[in-house]
C-alpha atoms as a PDB file:
ATOM      1  CA  UNK A   1      -1.574  -7.287  -1.448  1.00  0.00           C
ATOM      2  CA  UNK A   2      -4.200  -6.616   1.500  1.00  0.00           C
ATOM      3  CA  UNK A   3      -4.769  -2.386   0.835  1.00  0.00           C
ATOM      4  CA  UNK A   4      -2.888  -0.674   2.593  1.00  0.00           C
ATOM      5  CA  UNK A   5      -3.072   3.303   3.447  1.00  0.00           C
ATOM      6  CA  UNK A   6      -0.557   4.918   2.422  1.00  0.00           C
ATOM      7  CA  UNK A   7       1.879   2.052   2.119  1.00  0.00           C
ATOM      8  CA  UNK A   8       5.769   1.855   2.130  1.00  0.00           C
ATOM      9  CA  UNK A   9       7.518   2.452  -0.788  1.00  0.00           C
ATOM     10  CA  UNK A  10       8.130  -1.708  -1.554  1.00  0.00           C
ATOM     11  CA  UNK A  11       4.325  -1.417  -1.575  1.00  0.00           C
ATOM     12  CA  UNK A  12       4.858   0.866  -5.033  1.00  0.00           C
ATOM     13  CA  UNK A  13       7.101  -1.160  -6.199  1.00  0.00           C
ATOM     14  CA  UNK A  14       5.517  -4.101  -6.813  1.00  0.00           C
ATOM     15  CA  UNK A  15       2.524  -1.746  -8.665  1.00  0.00           C
ATOM     16  CA  UNK A  16       5.055  -0.463 -10.905  1.00  0.00           C
ATOM     17  CA  UNK A  17       6.687  -3.882 -11.480  1.00  0.00           C
ATOM     18  CA  UNK A  18       3.288  -5.743 -12.230  1.00  0.00           C
ATOM     19  CA  UNK A  19       1.009  -5.557 -15.282  1.00  0.00           C
ATOM     20  CA  UNK A  20      -2.341  -5.813 -12.738  1.00  0.00           C
ATOM     21  CA  UNK A  21      -2.633  -5.086  -9.281  1.00  0.00           C
ATOM     22  CA  UNK A  22      -4.510  -6.671  -7.299  1.00  0.00           C
ATOM     23  CA  UNK A  23      -6.028  -5.313  -3.786  1.00  0.00           C
ATOM     24  CA  UNK A  24      -7.107  -8.177  -2.179  1.00  0.00           C
ATOM     25  CA  UNK A  25     -10.035  -7.407   0.470  1.00  0.00           C
ATOM     26  CA  UNK A  26     -11.976 -10.087   0.624  1.00  0.00           C
ATOM     27  CA  UNK A  27      -9.880 -11.083   3.389  1.00  0.00           C
ATOM     28  CA  UNK A  28      -9.960 -11.324   6.926  1.00  0.00           C
ATOM     29  CA  UNK A  29      -8.783  -7.725   8.569  1.00  0.00           C
ATOM     30  CA  UNK A  30      -5.950  -8.045  11.024  1.00  0.00           C
ATOM     31  CA  UNK A  31      -5.741  -6.626  13.931  1.00  0.00           C
ATOM     32  CA  UNK A  32      -2.478  -3.689  14.473  1.00  0.00           C
ATOM     33  CA  UNK A  33      -1.851  -4.702  11.332  1.00  0.00           C
ATOM     34  CA  UNK A  34      -0.521  -2.397   7.948  1.00  0.00           C
ATOM     35  CA  UNK A  35      -4.355  -2.330   6.529  1.00  0.00           C
ATOM     36  CA  UNK A  36      -5.229   1.382   7.572  1.00  0.00           C
ATOM     37  CA  UNK A  37      -2.283   2.633   9.562  1.00  0.00           C
ATOM     38  CA  UNK A  38       1.369   3.711   8.928  1.00  0.00           C
ATOM     39  CA  UNK A  39       4.314   5.811  10.239  1.00  0.00           C
ATOM     40  CA  UNK A  40       5.101   9.329   9.171  1.00  0.00           C
ATOM     41  CA  UNK A  41       8.287  11.381  10.505  1.00  0.00           C
ATOM     42  CA  UNK A  42       6.681  14.294  13.476  1.00  0.00           C
ATOM     43  CA  UNK A  43      10.138  15.443  15.484  1.00  0.00           C
ATOM     44  CA  UNK A  44      12.413  13.767  13.910  1.00  0.00           C
ATOM     45  CA  UNK A  45      11.119  10.294  15.211  1.00  0.00           C
ATOM     46  CA  UNK A  46       8.821   7.387  13.349  1.00  0.00           C
ATOM     47  CA  UNK A  47       4.451   8.550  14.681  1.00  0.00           C
ATOM     48  CA  UNK A  48       2.024   5.993  13.378  1.00  0.00           C
ATOM     49  CA  UNK A  49      -0.822   6.989  13.014  1.00  0.00           C
ATOM     50  CA  UNK A  50      -4.035   5.563  12.068  1.00  0.00           C
ATOM     51  CA  UNK A  51      -7.972   5.188  11.035  1.00  0.00           C
ATOM     52  CA  UNK A  52     -10.384   5.215  13.766  1.00  0.00           C
ATOM     53  CA  UNK A  53     -12.748   2.496  12.722  1.00  0.00           C
ATOM     54  CA  UNK A  54     -16.400   0.938  13.515  1.00  0.00           C
ATOM     55  CA  UNK A  55     -16.604  -2.341  15.018  1.00  0.00           C
ATOM     56  CA  UNK A  56     -13.500  -3.494  14.335  1.00  0.00           C
ATOM     57  CA  UNK A  57     -12.802  -7.144  13.558  1.00  0.00           C
ATOM     58  CA  UNK A  58     -10.588  -9.614  12.657  1.00  0.00           C
ATOM     59  CA  UNK A  59     -13.517 -12.019  12.097  1.00  0.00           C
ATOM     60  CA  UNK A  60     -14.964  -9.699   9.418  1.00  0.00           C
ATOM     61  CA  UNK A  61     -13.327  -9.343   5.795  1.00  0.00           C
ATOM     62  CA  UNK A  62     -11.413  -6.289   4.726  1.00  0.00           C
ATOM     63  CA  UNK A  63     -14.618  -4.889   2.833  1.00  0.00           C
ATOM     64  CA  UNK A  64     -16.897  -5.483   5.708  1.00  0.00           C
ATOM     65  CA  UNK A  65     -14.807  -2.382   8.032  1.00  0.00           C
ATOM     66  CA  UNK A  66     -16.198   0.677   7.943  1.00  0.00           C
ATOM     67  CA  UNK A  67     -14.811   3.968   8.868  1.00  0.00           C
ATOM     68  CA  UNK A  68     -15.118   6.298  11.726  1.00  0.00           C
ATOM     69  CA  UNK A  69     -18.182   8.904  10.690  1.00  0.00           C
ATOM     70  CA  UNK A  70     -16.698  12.028  12.652  1.00  0.00           C
ATOM     71  CA  UNK A  71     -14.598  13.736  10.632  1.00  0.00           C
ATOM     72  CA  UNK A  72     -12.353  14.997  12.697  1.00  0.00           C
ATOM     73  CA  UNK A  73      -9.213  12.002  12.663  1.00  0.00           C
ATOM     74  CA  UNK A  74      -8.782  13.441   9.207  1.00  0.00           C
ATOM     75  CA  UNK A  75      -8.618  17.159  10.176  1.00  0.00           C
ATOM     76  CA  UNK A  76      -6.291  16.232  13.332  1.00  0.00           C
ATOM     77  CA  UNK A  77      -3.685  13.761  10.177  1.00  0.00           C
ATOM     78  CA  UNK A  78      -4.006  16.919   7.782  1.00  0.00           C
ATOM     79  CA  UNK A  79      -3.466  19.148  10.515  1.00  0.00           C
ATOM     80  CA  UNK A  80      -0.152  17.066  11.686  1.00  0.00           C
ATOM     81  CA  UNK A  81       0.796  16.046   7.858  1.00  0.00           C
ATOM     82  CA  UNK A  82       1.193  19.327   7.438  1.00  0.00           C
ATOM     83  CA  UNK A  83       2.846  20.480  10.804  1.00  0.00           C
ATOM     84  CA  UNK A  84       5.381  17.854  10.659  1.00  0.00           C
ATOM     85  CA  UNK A  85       6.319  18.893   6.132  1.00  0.00           C
ATOM     86  CA  UNK A  86       5.772  22.081   5.814  1.00  0.00           C
ATOM     87  CA  UNK A  87      10.016  22.901   5.514  1.00  0.00           C
ATOM     88  CA  UNK A  88      10.116  19.033   3.301  1.00  0.00           C
ATOM     89  CA  UNK A  89      11.394  20.274   0.221  1.00  0.00           C
ATOM     90  CA  UNK A  90       7.931  19.208  -2.290  1.00  0.00           C
ATOM     91  CA  UNK A  91       5.507  19.542   0.666  1.00  0.00           C
ATOM     92  CA  UNK A  92       4.127  22.562  -1.980  1.00  0.00           C
ATOM     93  CA  UNK A  93       3.788  19.836  -4.490  1.00  0.00           C
ATOM     94  CA  UNK A  94       2.573  16.638  -2.768  1.00  0.00           C
ATOM     95  CA  UNK A  95       0.485  18.298   0.047  1.00  0.00           C
ATOM     96  CA  UNK A  96      -2.704  19.262  -1.952  1.00  0.00           C
ATOM     97  CA  UNK A  97      -2.994  15.296  -3.026  1.00  0.00           C
ATOM     98  CA  UNK A  98      -2.544  14.130   0.471  1.00  0.00           C
ATOM     99  CA  UNK A  99      -5.289  15.988   1.727  1.00  0.00           C
ATOM    100  CA  UNK A 100      -7.044  15.375  -1.477  1.00  0.00           C
ATOM    101  CA  UNK A 101      -6.609  11.631  -0.528  1.00  0.00           C
ATOM    102  CA  UNK A 102      -7.331  11.716   3.084  1.00  0.00           C
ATOM    103  CA  UNK A 103     -10.681  14.383   2.398  1.00  0.00           C
ATOM    104  CA  UNK A 104     -12.205  11.187   0.560  1.00  0.00           C
ATOM    105  CA  UNK A 105     -16.302  10.939   1.526  1.00  0.00           C
ATOM    106  CA  UNK A 106     -15.805   6.979   1.814  1.00  0.00           C
ATOM    107  CA  UNK A 107     -16.943   4.843   4.830  1.00  0.00           C
ATOM    108  CA  UNK A 108     -16.088   1.471   3.549  1.00  0.00           C
ATOM    109  CA  UNK A 109     -12.591   0.793   4.371  1.00  0.00           C
ATOM    110  CA  UNK A 110     -11.070  -1.043   1.546  1.00  0.00           C
ATOM    111  CA  UNK A 111     -12.748   1.478  -1.032  1.00  0.00           C
ATOM    112  CA  UNK A 112     -11.333   4.243   0.671  1.00  0.00           C
ATOM    113  CA  UNK A 113      -7.825   2.835   0.871  1.00  0.00           C
ATOM    114  CA  UNK A 114      -8.399   2.195  -3.315  1.00  0.00           C
ATOM    115  CA  UNK A 115      -9.649   5.672  -3.582  1.00  0.00           C
ATOM    116  CA  UNK A 116      -5.593   6.363  -1.951  1.00  0.00           C
ATOM    117  CA  UNK A 117      -3.565   4.171  -3.954  1.00  0.00           C
ATOM    118  CA  UNK A 118      -5.276   5.228  -7.136  1.00  0.00           C
ATOM    119  CA  UNK A 119      -4.464   9.091  -7.338  1.00  0.00           C
ATOM    120  CA  UNK A 120      -0.353   8.264  -5.780  1.00  0.00           C
ATOM    121  CA  UNK A 121      -0.509   5.613  -8.894  1.00  0.00           C
ATOM    122  CA  UNK A 122      -1.280   8.844 -10.976  1.00  0.00           C
ATOM    123  CA  UNK A 123       1.154  10.946  -9.517  1.00  0.00           C
ATOM    124  CA  UNK A 124       3.502   8.825  -9.719  1.00  0.00           C
ATOM    125  CA  UNK A 125       2.342   7.590 -13.591  1.00  0.00           C
ATOM    126  CA  UNK A 126       1.999   4.232 -12.701  1.00  0.00           C
ATOM    127  CA  UNK A 127      -0.091   2.949 -15.275  1.00  0.00           C
ATOM    128  CA  UNK A 128      -0.474   0.084 -13.430  1.00  0.00           C
ATOM    129  CA  UNK A 129      -4.743  -1.240 -13.518  1.00  0.00           C
ATOM    130  CA  UNK A 130      -5.841  -1.579 -10.357  1.00  0.00           C
ATOM    131  CA  UNK A 131      -8.227  -4.574  -9.583  1.00  0.00           C
ATOM    132  CA  UNK A 132     -10.372  -5.140  -6.386  1.00  0.00           C
ATOM    133  CA  UNK A 133      -9.962  -8.987  -5.287  1.00  0.00           C
ATOM    134  CA  UNK A 134     -13.382  -8.773  -4.105  1.00  0.00           C
ATOM    135  CA  UNK A 135     -14.722  -8.448  -8.109  1.00  0.00           C
ATOM    136  CA  UNK A 136     -13.345 -11.308  -9.649  1.00  0.00           C
ATOM    137  CA  UNK A 137     -14.820 -14.573 -10.655  1.00  0.00           C
ATOM    138  CA  UNK A 138     -12.950 -17.590  -8.095  1.00  0.00           C
ATOM    139  CA  UNK A 139     -13.494 -20.007  -5.747  1.00  0.00           C
ATOM    140  CA  UNK A 140     -13.793 -18.128  -2.203  1.00  0.00           C
ATOM    141  CA  UNK A 141     -14.378 -21.983  -0.807  1.00  0.00           C
ATOM    142  CA  UNK A 142      -9.980 -21.350  -1.661  1.00  0.00           C
ATOM    143  CA  UNK A 143      -7.971 -20.075   1.534  1.00  0.00           C
ATOM    144  CA  UNK A 144      -4.240 -19.317   1.351  1.00  0.00           C
ATOM    145  CA  UNK A 145      -2.058 -19.875  -2.041  1.00  0.00           C
ATOM    146  CA  UNK A 146      -4.508 -22.074  -3.300  1.00  0.00           C
ATOM    147  CA  UNK A 147      -6.452 -18.633  -2.934  1.00  0.00           C
ATOM    148  CA  UNK A 148      -3.770 -16.763  -5.180  1.00  0.00           C
ATOM    149  CA  UNK A 149      -3.099 -19.971  -7.836  1.00  0.00           C
ATOM    150  CA  UNK A 150      -6.850 -19.442  -8.002  1.00  0.00           C
ATOM    151  CA  UNK A 151      -6.379 -15.567  -8.925  1.00  0.00           C
ATOM    152  CA  UNK A 152      -4.059 -15.413 -10.799  1.00  0.00           C
ATOM    153  CA  UNK A 153      -5.548 -18.311 -13.181  1.00  0.00           C
ATOM    154  CA  UNK A 154      -8.528 -15.735 -13.155  1.00  0.00           C
ATOM    155  CA  UNK A 155      -6.893 -13.101 -14.545  1.00  0.00           C
ATOM    156  CA  UNK A 156      -4.866 -15.184 -17.241  1.00  0.00           C
ATOM    157  CA  UNK A 157      -1.054 -14.685 -15.528  1.00  0.00           C
ATOM    158  CA  UNK A 158       1.572 -16.047 -16.155  1.00  0.00           C
ATOM    159  CA  UNK A 159       3.936 -14.807 -13.355  1.00  0.00           C
ATOM    160  CA  UNK A 160       2.924 -13.978 -10.089  1.00  0.00           C
ATOM    161  CA  UNK A 161       5.302 -11.315  -7.565  1.00  0.00           C
ATOM    162  CA  UNK A 162       5.013 -10.622  -3.719  1.00  0.00           C
ATOM    163  CA  UNK A 163       6.624  -9.116  -1.289  1.00  0.00           C
ATOM    164  CA  UNK A 164       9.365 -10.795   0.089  1.00  0.00           C
ATOM    165  CA  UNK A 165       7.967 -11.176   3.230  1.00  0.00           C
ATOM    166  CA  UNK A 166       5.578 -13.805   1.215  1.00  0.00           C
ATOM    167  CA  UNK A 167       9.126 -16.351   0.383  1.00  0.00           C
ATOM    168  CA  UNK A 168       7.673 -18.246   3.630  1.00  0.00           C
ATOM    169  CA  UNK A 169       3.904 -18.686   2.867  1.00  0.00           C
ATOM    170  CA  UNK A 170       4.224 -20.168  -0.736  1.00  0.00           C
ATOM    171  CA  UNK A 171       5.900 -23.281  -2.775  1.00  0.00           C
ATOM    172  CA  UNK A 172       7.464 -22.497  -6.308  1.00  0.00           C
ATOM    173  CA  UNK A 173       6.275 -26.082  -6.994  1.00  0.00           C
ATOM    174  CA  UNK A 174       2.871 -25.086  -6.636  1.00  0.00           C
ATOM    175  CA  UNK A 175       2.201 -22.550  -8.588  1.00  0.00           C
ATOM    176  CA  UNK A 176       5.033 -24.274 -11.329  1.00  0.00           C
ATOM    177  CA  UNK A 177       2.409 -26.720 -11.742  1.00  0.00           C
ATOM    178  CA  UNK A 178      -0.363 -24.207 -13.390  1.00  0.00           C
ATOM    179  CA  UNK A 179       2.539 -23.094 -14.826  1.00  0.00           C
ATOM    180  CA  UNK A 180       2.748 -19.140 -13.347  1.00  0.00           C
ATOM    181  CA  UNK A 181       6.353 -17.959 -12.460  1.00  0.00           C
ATOM    182  CA  UNK A 182       6.683 -16.809  -8.610  1.00  0.00           C
ATOM    183  CA  UNK A 183       8.887 -13.747  -7.837  1.00  0.00           C
ATOM    184  CA  UNK A 184       9.964 -12.228  -4.781  1.00  0.00           C
ATOM    185  CA  UNK A 185      10.481  -8.793  -4.880  1.00  0.00           C
ATOM    186  CA  UNK A 186      13.882  -7.968  -2.002  1.00  0.00           C
ATOM    187  CA  UNK A 187      13.856  -3.721  -2.249  1.00  0.00           C
ATOM    188  CA  UNK A 188      17.474  -2.654  -1.590  1.00  0.00           C
ATOM    189  CA  UNK A 189      18.671   0.022   1.170  1.00  0.00           C
ATOM    190  CA  UNK A 190      16.944   2.822   0.317  1.00  0.00           C
ATOM    191  CA  UNK A 191      18.185   5.251   1.896  1.00  0.00           C
ATOM    192  CA  UNK A 192      17.115   9.372   1.174  1.00  0.00           C
ATOM    193  CA  UNK A 193      18.404  13.283   3.128  1.00  0.00           C
ATOM    194  CA  UNK A 194      15.150  13.253   5.560  1.00  0.00           C
ATOM    195  CA  UNK A 195      15.961  17.710   6.909  1.00  0.00           C
ATOM    196  CA  UNK A 196      19.453  17.503   8.521  1.00  0.00           C
ATOM    197  CA  UNK A 197      18.541  14.323  10.862  1.00  0.00           C
ATOM    198  CA  UNK A 198      19.569  10.419  10.870  1.00  0.00           C
ATOM    199  CA  UNK A 199      17.236   9.017   8.491  1.00  0.00           C
ATOM    200  CA  UNK A 200      14.469   7.071   8.903  1.00  0.00           C
ATOM    201  CA  UNK A 201      13.730   4.248   6.782  1.00  0.00           C
ATOM    202  CA  UNK A 202      10.498   2.026   5.742  1.00  0.00           C
ATOM    203  CA  UNK A 203       8.669   5.433   6.801  1.00  0.00           C
ATOM    204  CA  UNK A 204       5.191   5.593   4.811  1.00  0.00           C
ATOM    205  CA  UNK A 205       5.005   6.726   1.188  1.00  0.00           C
ATOM    206  CA  UNK A 206       4.339  10.071   2.020  1.00  0.00           C
ATOM    207  CA  UNK A 207       7.597  10.430   3.949  1.00  0.00           C
ATOM    208  CA  UNK A 208       9.581   9.086   0.100  1.00  0.00           C
ATOM    209  CA  UNK A 209       7.218  11.770  -1.647  1.00  0.00           C
ATOM    210  CA  UNK A 210       7.538  15.180   0.507  1.00  0.00           C
ATOM    211  CA  UNK A 211      11.047  14.755   0.411  1.00  0.00           C
ATOM    212  CA  UNK A 212      12.294  13.292  -3.320  1.00  0.00           C
ATOM    213  CA  UNK A 213      11.306  14.894  -6.850  1.00  0.00           C
ATOM    214  CA  UNK A 214       8.789  12.653  -8.745  1.00  0.00           C
ATOM    215  CA  UNK A 215      11.800  11.793 -10.810  1.00  0.00           C
ATOM    216  CA  UNK A 216      14.062  10.768  -8.217  1.00  0.00           C
ATOM    217  CA  UNK A 217      10.592   8.304  -6.089  1.00  0.00           C
ATOM    218  CA  UNK A 218      10.732   6.967  -9.742  1.00  0.00           C
ATOM    219  CA  UNK A 219      13.989   6.085  -9.801  1.00  0.00           C
ATOM    220  CA  UNK A 220      13.803   4.492  -6.499  1.00  0.00           C
ATOM    221  CA  UNK A 221      11.072   2.356  -7.143  1.00  0.00           C
ATOM    222  CA  UNK A 222      13.972   0.669  -9.082  1.00  0.00           C
ATOM    223  CA  UNK A 223      15.607  -0.478  -6.018  1.00  0.00           C
ATOM    224  CA  UNK A 224      14.603  -3.722  -5.452  1.00  0.00           C
ATOM    225  CA  UNK A 225      16.607  -7.098  -6.732  1.00  0.00           C
ATOM    226  CA  UNK A 226      13.602  -9.807  -8.155  1.00  0.00           C
ATOM    227  CA  UNK A 227      13.907 -13.566  -6.712  1.00  0.00           C
END
């Protein structure tokens, strides 16, 4: 999967149910996607936050994108998170982790997000090995499904699990001919208490861990169907 900043819980369901999770950093950056932005709850409403980037272009690979060297965005984002969640039940447990992640001193976007994912996995007690796609020796002339299959072969994988959206992108038979079982994670309807408000689904993992204990969050990670 592409590196996403504080992604939704479905992303961590993929990580939790994999032996190796490949951070797909050597594919083209997508503007207005979820690589450098996500949503949290601000004043009972989903609020889109983002990492400001330098000279962003969809003609560059994700690992060629750099973050703005002005740190004011970090201060502003931390203030927004603090004000929005300071009354959440697990704020005291979670905020130091969020602060550590956002304050990380790295301008390369892929490496910055890799660090965030690693820290979140440690908090969630996920022992999945995280690997950068750019570090895997593979045929970089391949594209799309063929590149995914080649990565699986290089890692000795006998099963590839993708998010449910990939069901329209990948063909079962093309994986099976290489002795790879293709599966998709379909998240169940995940609901939890957000203050006293109407529930807003599929927000950043920040929202999940602010309102759920570590034990309850790990239970939510198992609320999916593998198809």
